[in-house]
Protein backbone atom coordinates (compact mmCIF):
# COMPACT_ATOMS: atom_id res chain seq x y z
CA MET A 1 273.82 -30.05 75.47
CA SER A 2 275.29 -26.89 73.81
CA ARG A 3 277.01 -29.00 71.19
CA LEU A 4 273.62 -30.54 70.27
CA ARG A 5 272.14 -26.96 69.81
CA PHE A 6 275.05 -25.97 67.53
CA CYS A 7 274.53 -28.89 65.30
CA THR A 8 270.79 -28.36 65.15
CA LEU A 9 271.00 -24.66 64.24
CA THR A 10 273.73 -25.63 61.79
CA ALA A 11 271.65 -28.36 59.76
CA VAL A 12 268.72 -25.86 59.75
CA ALA A 13 270.78 -23.20 58.31
CA VAL A 14 272.04 -25.41 55.48
CA LEU A 15 268.57 -26.86 54.61
CA SER A 16 267.01 -23.24 54.45
CA PHE A 17 269.86 -22.29 52.19
CA ALA A 18 269.50 -25.10 49.88
CA LYS A 19 265.79 -24.49 49.49
CA SER A 20 266.08 -21.00 48.52
CA GLY A 21 268.76 -21.49 46.11
CA GLN A 22 267.54 -24.65 44.57
CA ALA A 23 267.71 -23.25 40.76
CA ASP A 24 271.49 -22.22 41.30
CA SER A 25 272.51 -24.83 43.50
CA PRO A 26 276.12 -25.89 43.35
CA ASP A 27 276.74 -29.60 42.12
CA TRP A 28 278.02 -30.56 45.69
CA LEU A 29 274.69 -29.82 47.08
CA PRO A 30 272.64 -32.90 47.19
CA VAL A 31 269.29 -31.49 46.06
CA GLU A 32 267.28 -33.09 43.54
CA GLN A 33 266.63 -31.15 40.10
CA ASP A 34 263.87 -31.18 37.76
CA ALA A 35 265.38 -32.61 34.65
CA GLN A 36 262.56 -31.21 32.46
CA ILE A 37 262.89 -27.37 31.25
CA SER A 38 260.07 -25.80 29.67
CA ASN A 39 260.38 -25.20 26.12
CA GLN A 40 257.76 -22.59 25.77
CA SER A 41 259.02 -20.03 22.90
CA LEU A 42 258.53 -16.30 23.63
CA LEU A 43 257.62 -16.10 19.76
CA PRO A 44 254.17 -16.14 18.60
CA ASP A 45 252.74 -18.89 16.74
CA ALA A 46 253.02 -18.16 12.95
CA THR A 47 249.36 -19.39 12.55
CA ALA A 48 248.15 -16.90 14.90
CA SER A 49 249.50 -14.01 12.82
CA VAL A 50 247.32 -11.77 11.54
CA ALA A 51 247.21 -11.96 7.51
CA VAL A 52 248.20 -8.66 5.72
CA ASP A 53 247.79 -7.69 1.96
CA ARG A 54 251.52 -6.53 1.65
CA LEU A 55 254.70 -6.27 3.83
CA HIS A 56 256.23 -3.00 3.99
CA PRO A 57 259.63 -2.06 5.56
CA ASP A 58 257.38 0.35 7.94
CA ASP A 59 255.77 -2.85 9.30
CA LEU A 60 258.96 -4.11 10.88
CA PHE A 61 259.04 -0.84 12.90
CA SER A 62 255.52 -0.85 13.73
CA GLY A 63 255.11 -4.31 14.92
CA SER A 64 255.54 -6.16 18.05
CA PRO A 65 259.45 -6.95 19.23
CA GLU A 66 258.46 -10.64 18.52
CA SER A 67 257.58 -9.72 15.00
CA LEU A 68 260.95 -8.24 14.63
CA ILE A 69 262.52 -11.37 15.90
CA ARG A 70 260.85 -13.41 13.68
CA VAL A 71 261.59 -11.54 10.45
CA SER A 72 265.40 -10.91 11.40
CA CYS A 73 266.12 -14.24 12.16
CA SER A 74 264.84 -15.85 8.98
CA ASP A 75 267.19 -17.28 6.64
CA ALA A 76 266.68 -17.26 2.71
CA GLU A 77 264.29 -19.76 2.73
CA GLY A 78 262.01 -18.39 5.42
CA GLN A 79 263.09 -20.83 8.21
CA CYS A 80 263.15 -19.18 11.51
CA CYS A 81 265.55 -19.84 14.41
CA ASP A 82 262.81 -21.33 16.51
CA GLY A 83 262.02 -23.71 13.63
CA THR A 84 258.96 -22.14 12.23
CA ASN A 85 258.35 -20.89 8.77
CA GLY A 86 258.96 -17.06 9.05
CA LEU A 87 256.98 -16.35 5.58
CA ALA A 88 253.94 -17.83 7.21
CA GLY A 89 253.14 -14.61 8.96
CA SER A 90 254.86 -11.99 6.62
CA GLY A 91 252.14 -11.73 4.23
CA HIS A 92 253.90 -13.70 1.58
CA THR A 93 252.04 -13.82 -1.67
CA PRO A 94 253.71 -16.22 -3.99
CA THR A 95 250.71 -16.19 -6.54
CA TRP A 96 248.76 -13.28 -7.53
CA VAL A 97 246.20 -11.97 -9.68
CA ARG A 98 245.82 -7.93 -10.66
CA PHE A 99 242.83 -6.57 -12.51
CA THR A 100 243.00 -2.85 -13.28
CA PRO A 101 239.89 -1.26 -15.28
CA TYR A 102 241.08 2.38 -16.40
CA VAL A 103 240.27 5.38 -18.52
CA TRP A 104 242.80 6.98 -20.89
CA ALA A 105 241.80 10.36 -21.99
CA THR A 106 243.32 10.08 -25.48
CA GLN A 107 244.65 13.02 -27.29
CA VAL A 108 245.91 12.54 -30.62
CA ASP A 109 248.64 14.40 -32.72
CA GLY A 110 249.41 13.20 -36.32
CA ASP A 111 247.83 12.26 -39.59
CA ILE A 112 245.99 9.16 -41.05
CA THR A 113 246.04 8.14 -44.69
CA VAL A 114 243.39 6.31 -46.41
CA ASN A 115 243.83 5.17 -50.26
CA GLY A 116 246.62 7.55 -50.43
CA LEU A 117 244.74 10.44 -49.20
CA THR A 118 246.18 11.92 -46.12
CA ALA A 119 244.28 13.93 -43.42
CA PRO A 120 245.47 15.58 -40.12
CA MET A 121 243.98 14.46 -36.97
CA ASN A 122 244.72 16.55 -34.01
CA ILE A 123 242.88 16.50 -30.59
CA ASN A 124 243.43 17.96 -27.33
CA LEU A 125 241.68 17.39 -24.03
CA SER A 126 239.32 20.46 -25.05
CA ASP A 127 238.45 18.85 -28.45
CA LEU A 128 237.83 15.69 -26.65
CA TRP A 129 235.49 16.97 -24.14
CA GLN A 130 233.65 18.84 -27.25
CA MET A 131 233.58 15.40 -28.97
CA LEU A 132 232.09 13.73 -26.10
CA ARG A 133 229.42 16.43 -25.75
CA ASN A 134 228.59 16.18 -29.72
CA GLY A 135 228.79 12.22 -29.60
CA GLU A 136 231.79 12.03 -31.70
CA VAL A 137 233.38 9.61 -29.20
CA ARG A 138 231.58 6.32 -30.01
CA GLY A 139 232.92 4.64 -26.84
CA GLY A 140 235.95 2.32 -25.74
CA PHE A 141 237.03 0.02 -23.55
CA MET A 142 240.54 -0.23 -21.56
CA GLY A 143 241.94 -2.74 -19.03
CA HIS A 144 244.96 -4.64 -17.56
CA LEU A 145 245.01 -8.14 -16.56
CA ALA A 146 248.24 -9.60 -14.87
CA PHE A 147 248.88 -12.91 -13.26
CA GLY A 148 252.28 -13.36 -11.42
CA ARG A 149 254.10 -16.05 -9.34
CA ASP A 150 257.33 -15.12 -7.48
CA ASN A 151 259.66 -13.03 -9.63
CA TRP A 152 257.71 -13.33 -12.88
CA SER A 153 254.19 -12.33 -14.47
CA ILE A 154 252.32 -12.50 -17.70
CA PHE A 155 249.77 -9.69 -18.61
CA VAL A 156 247.26 -8.67 -21.18
CA ASN A 157 246.24 -5.16 -21.92
CA GLY A 158 243.54 -3.79 -24.15
CA ASP A 159 242.74 -0.44 -25.48
CA ILE A 160 239.76 0.09 -27.74
CA VAL A 161 239.16 3.60 -28.89
CA SER A 162 236.70 4.82 -31.47
CA MET A 163 236.17 8.48 -32.19
CA ALA A 164 234.86 10.54 -35.38
CA PRO A 165 236.27 13.90 -35.45
CA ALA A 166 236.00 16.49 -38.25
CA VAL A 167 238.61 18.87 -39.36
CA GLN A 168 238.74 21.47 -42.06
CA VAL A 169 241.45 21.74 -44.80
CA ARG A 170 241.05 25.14 -46.48
CA ARG A 171 237.51 25.18 -47.62
CA ALA A 172 236.84 21.55 -47.58
CA ASN A 173 235.49 19.70 -44.72
CA ILE A 174 236.90 16.17 -43.64
CA GLU A 175 234.87 13.98 -41.60
CA THR A 176 237.19 11.32 -40.00
CA GLY A 177 236.62 8.43 -38.12
CA LEU A 178 239.33 6.16 -36.29
CA THR A 179 238.69 2.83 -34.40
CA MET A 180 241.82 1.58 -33.07
CA THR A 181 242.43 -1.61 -31.07
CA LEU A 182 245.30 -2.53 -29.42
CA LEU A 183 245.89 -5.50 -27.50
CA GLU A 184 249.12 -6.53 -25.80
CA LEU A 185 250.01 -10.08 -24.62
CA GLY A 186 253.49 -9.91 -22.66
CA GLY A 187 255.51 -11.39 -19.71
CA ALA A 188 257.97 -9.77 -17.14
CA VAL A 189 260.84 -11.10 -15.26
CA ASP A 190 262.57 -9.39 -12.38
CA LEU A 191 266.22 -8.09 -12.99
CA PHE A 192 266.52 -6.78 -9.61
CA ASN A 193 264.17 -7.11 -6.48
CA ALA A 194 264.85 -5.70 -2.86
CA ASN A 195 262.85 -8.46 -1.53
CA GLU A 196 263.65 -11.70 -2.96
CA SER A 197 261.58 -13.73 -0.29
CA ASP A 198 258.34 -11.97 -1.29
CA PRO A 199 258.83 -10.28 -4.84
CA ALA A 200 255.06 -9.36 -5.31
CA ASN A 201 255.33 -6.92 -2.15
CA SER A 202 258.81 -5.74 -2.79
CA PRO A 203 259.79 -2.00 -2.02
CA PHE A 204 261.72 -1.63 -5.32
CA ALA A 205 261.81 -3.81 -8.28
CA ILE A 206 262.90 -3.51 -11.81
CA GLN A 207 261.42 -5.87 -14.57
CA LEU A 208 262.46 -6.78 -17.99
CA LEU A 209 259.31 -7.17 -20.31
CA GLY A 210 258.71 -8.36 -23.86
CA GLY A 211 255.68 -9.65 -25.87
CA VAL A 212 253.59 -8.95 -28.86
CA ARG A 213 251.15 -6.20 -29.67
CA TYR A 214 247.89 -6.43 -32.08
CA TYR A 215 246.80 -3.65 -33.98
CA ALA A 216 243.17 -3.62 -35.59
CA VAL A 217 242.73 -0.10 -37.05
CA ASP A 218 239.63 1.13 -39.22
CA THR A 219 239.72 4.75 -40.79
CA ALA A 220 237.40 6.58 -42.82
CA ALA A 221 237.34 10.06 -44.49
CA VAL A 222 234.39 11.93 -46.07
CA VAL A 223 235.49 14.91 -48.01
CA SER A 224 233.02 17.61 -49.02
CA LEU A 225 232.62 21.30 -49.78
CA PRO A 226 230.24 23.85 -48.33
CA ASN A 227 226.73 23.20 -49.55
CA VAL A 228 227.78 20.34 -51.76
CA ASN A 229 227.40 16.74 -51.53
CA PRO A 230 230.39 14.73 -50.58
CA LEU A 231 232.92 14.77 -52.89
CA LEU A 232 234.83 11.44 -51.61
CA THR A 233 234.09 8.45 -49.43
CA ILE A 234 236.82 6.37 -48.06
CA ASP A 235 236.76 3.56 -45.91
CA GLN A 236 239.84 1.35 -45.20
CA GLY A 237 241.17 -0.74 -42.22
CA ALA A 238 244.37 -2.88 -41.66
CA THR A 239 245.64 -5.09 -38.98
CA TRP A 240 249.25 -6.10 -38.14
CA VAL A 241 251.36 -7.25 -35.13
CA ASP A 242 254.44 -5.80 -33.36
CA LEU A 243 257.03 -7.33 -31.34
CA PHE A 244 257.93 -5.09 -28.35
CA VAL A 245 260.63 -5.19 -25.52
CA GLY A 246 261.11 -2.62 -22.71
CA SER A 247 261.41 -2.83 -18.97
CA GLN A 248 259.37 -1.30 -15.89
CA ALA A 249 260.23 -0.11 -12.35
CA ILE A 250 258.23 -0.27 -9.37
CA ALA A 251 259.12 1.53 -6.08
CA LYS A 252 257.35 2.14 -2.89
CA ILE A 253 257.57 5.49 -1.32
CA THR A 254 255.14 5.18 1.51
CA PRO A 255 253.72 1.88 3.13
CA ASN A 256 250.46 2.70 1.10
CA THR A 257 251.94 4.39 -1.92
CA ASP A 258 253.78 3.12 -5.11
CA ILE A 259 255.47 4.72 -8.23
CA TYR A 260 255.35 3.09 -11.65
CA VAL A 261 257.41 3.67 -14.70
CA ARG A 262 257.31 1.77 -17.77
CA GLY A 263 258.79 2.07 -21.33
CA ASP A 264 258.91 -0.20 -24.63
CA VAL A 265 259.71 -0.11 -28.20
CA GLY A 266 258.42 -2.12 -30.90
CA GLY A 267 257.81 -2.76 -34.77
CA PHE A 268 261.11 -2.41 -36.02
CA GLY A 269 259.58 -2.86 -39.67
CA ILE A 270 259.70 -6.54 -39.50
CA GLY A 271 257.21 -7.93 -42.55
CA THR A 272 254.10 -5.72 -42.05
CA SER A 273 254.68 -4.54 -38.82
CA SER A 274 255.07 -0.89 -37.70
CA LEU A 275 258.05 1.08 -39.03
CA HIS A 276 258.59 2.11 -35.08
CA ALA A 277 256.33 2.21 -32.12
CA TRP A 278 257.28 3.28 -28.53
CA ASN A 279 255.28 3.58 -25.19
CA ILE A 280 255.74 5.22 -22.15
CA ALA A 281 253.74 5.42 -18.97
CA SER A 282 254.16 6.46 -15.47
CA GLY A 283 251.96 6.93 -12.24
CA ILE A 284 251.45 6.83 -8.69
CA SER A 285 249.13 4.25 -6.89
CA THR A 286 247.77 4.47 -3.39
CA ASN A 287 245.29 2.47 -1.36
CA SER A 288 241.78 3.28 -1.92
CA ILE A 289 238.36 1.72 -1.35
CA CYS A 290 237.45 -1.90 -0.99
CA GLY A 291 241.15 -2.99 -0.66
CA SER A 292 241.74 -1.49 -4.18
CA LYS A 293 244.65 0.81 -5.26
CA LEU A 294 243.87 4.01 -7.00
CA PHE A 295 246.31 4.68 -10.01
CA LEU A 296 247.03 8.04 -11.58
CA GLY A 297 249.37 8.72 -14.24
CA TYR A 298 250.18 9.45 -17.88
CA ARG A 299 250.64 7.47 -21.10
CA VAL A 300 252.33 8.29 -24.21
CA PHE A 301 251.79 5.91 -27.34
CA ASP A 302 253.48 6.38 -30.72
CA VAL A 303 253.11 4.43 -34.00
CA ASP A 304 254.14 4.85 -37.48
CA GLN A 305 252.80 2.56 -40.05
CA SER A 306 252.83 2.57 -43.80
CA LEU A 307 251.49 -0.24 -45.92
CA ASN A 308 251.46 -0.27 -49.52
CA GLY A 309 250.03 -3.57 -50.32
CA GLY A 310 251.77 -6.97 -50.69
CA SER A 311 251.60 -10.08 -48.11
CA GLY A 312 247.79 -9.16 -47.62
CA SER A 313 248.21 -5.35 -46.63
CA PRO A 314 246.04 -2.64 -47.93
CA GLN A 315 247.41 -0.14 -50.34
CA GLY A 316 248.00 3.38 -49.63
CA PHE A 317 246.97 2.95 -45.70
CA GLY A 318 249.20 4.69 -42.98
CA VAL A 319 248.94 5.74 -39.49
CA ASP A 320 251.50 8.40 -38.23
CA GLN A 321 250.00 9.43 -34.67
CA VAL A 322 251.15 10.11 -30.81
CA ILE A 323 248.37 9.20 -28.69
CA HIS A 324 248.89 10.67 -25.21
CA GLY A 325 246.86 11.66 -22.21
CA PRO A 326 246.23 11.11 -18.44
CA VAL A 327 245.18 7.73 -17.15
CA VAL A 328 243.07 6.87 -14.00
CA GLY A 329 242.25 3.42 -12.83
CA LEU A 330 241.69 1.07 -10.12
CA THR A 331 243.95 -1.98 -9.31
CA PHE A 332 242.29 -4.93 -7.55
CA GLN A 333 244.62 -7.76 -6.21
CA PHE A 334 243.63 -11.31 -5.32
């Protein structure tokens, strides 16, 4: 009787131990295991990720642990260790379009030459404000349009400025007019990019750029003496094209703020092109209304052109000016 009780208790103890430790049962224990193991991933589905305009470095530290794992385990092609595409939820924007209408408060230092007659043209911000009040600024348009994909882009930039300032040379009064149209068509390609998987949203990039710049300049001068009818009226214009090459750099200083620097040179005295032309622009942009970015900067453009006839160019025409001033614009990205 006692031996029967001992066997019964031993059997009950063995079965209880097997039931409680089924997941870690040793090979010798005859317990049936469930052959199917759940493959549910702890990582969120990439299709459930919230789309963002830009992927910033700070986003990696403000996101969830799952997003950290997804970004850190992606290879160069964006393939995650769990078999999903890491770029699907990273805000990757391989193709983009940016449009920036802006205002360039142009100041002018230099001379204009019309039919061999040279007259100074110097305009500062105070003069520009007075010209605006007097209606001597006839108008203008300024805008920048760019299309890009991955590590390259093409752009069109347009500046149309028309003004009619008056200057005094000794006793003579010279009323000058200047309408200048600058149109740029160019392209840019990355020399260095800190985020090769998403170049458009990189924290730092340096680009090589080049293209052509079209000029259409109309100048006029009316020379008169006090209480005397105009002694001389001159009107002349010219068009020409320059090649230009340069570079630009874009760096992110905060998740919402970028800084930008561009420099280029052109002309080179080829044919009827400018003797020289150089352009420098820099500024800072930050998030603004309606998903746009507010751009504040400064631009300096220097052009030296002298035409003396031949190849369809006018005789005795010249522009030797430095045009500079602050720039304000809004950038919209699509």
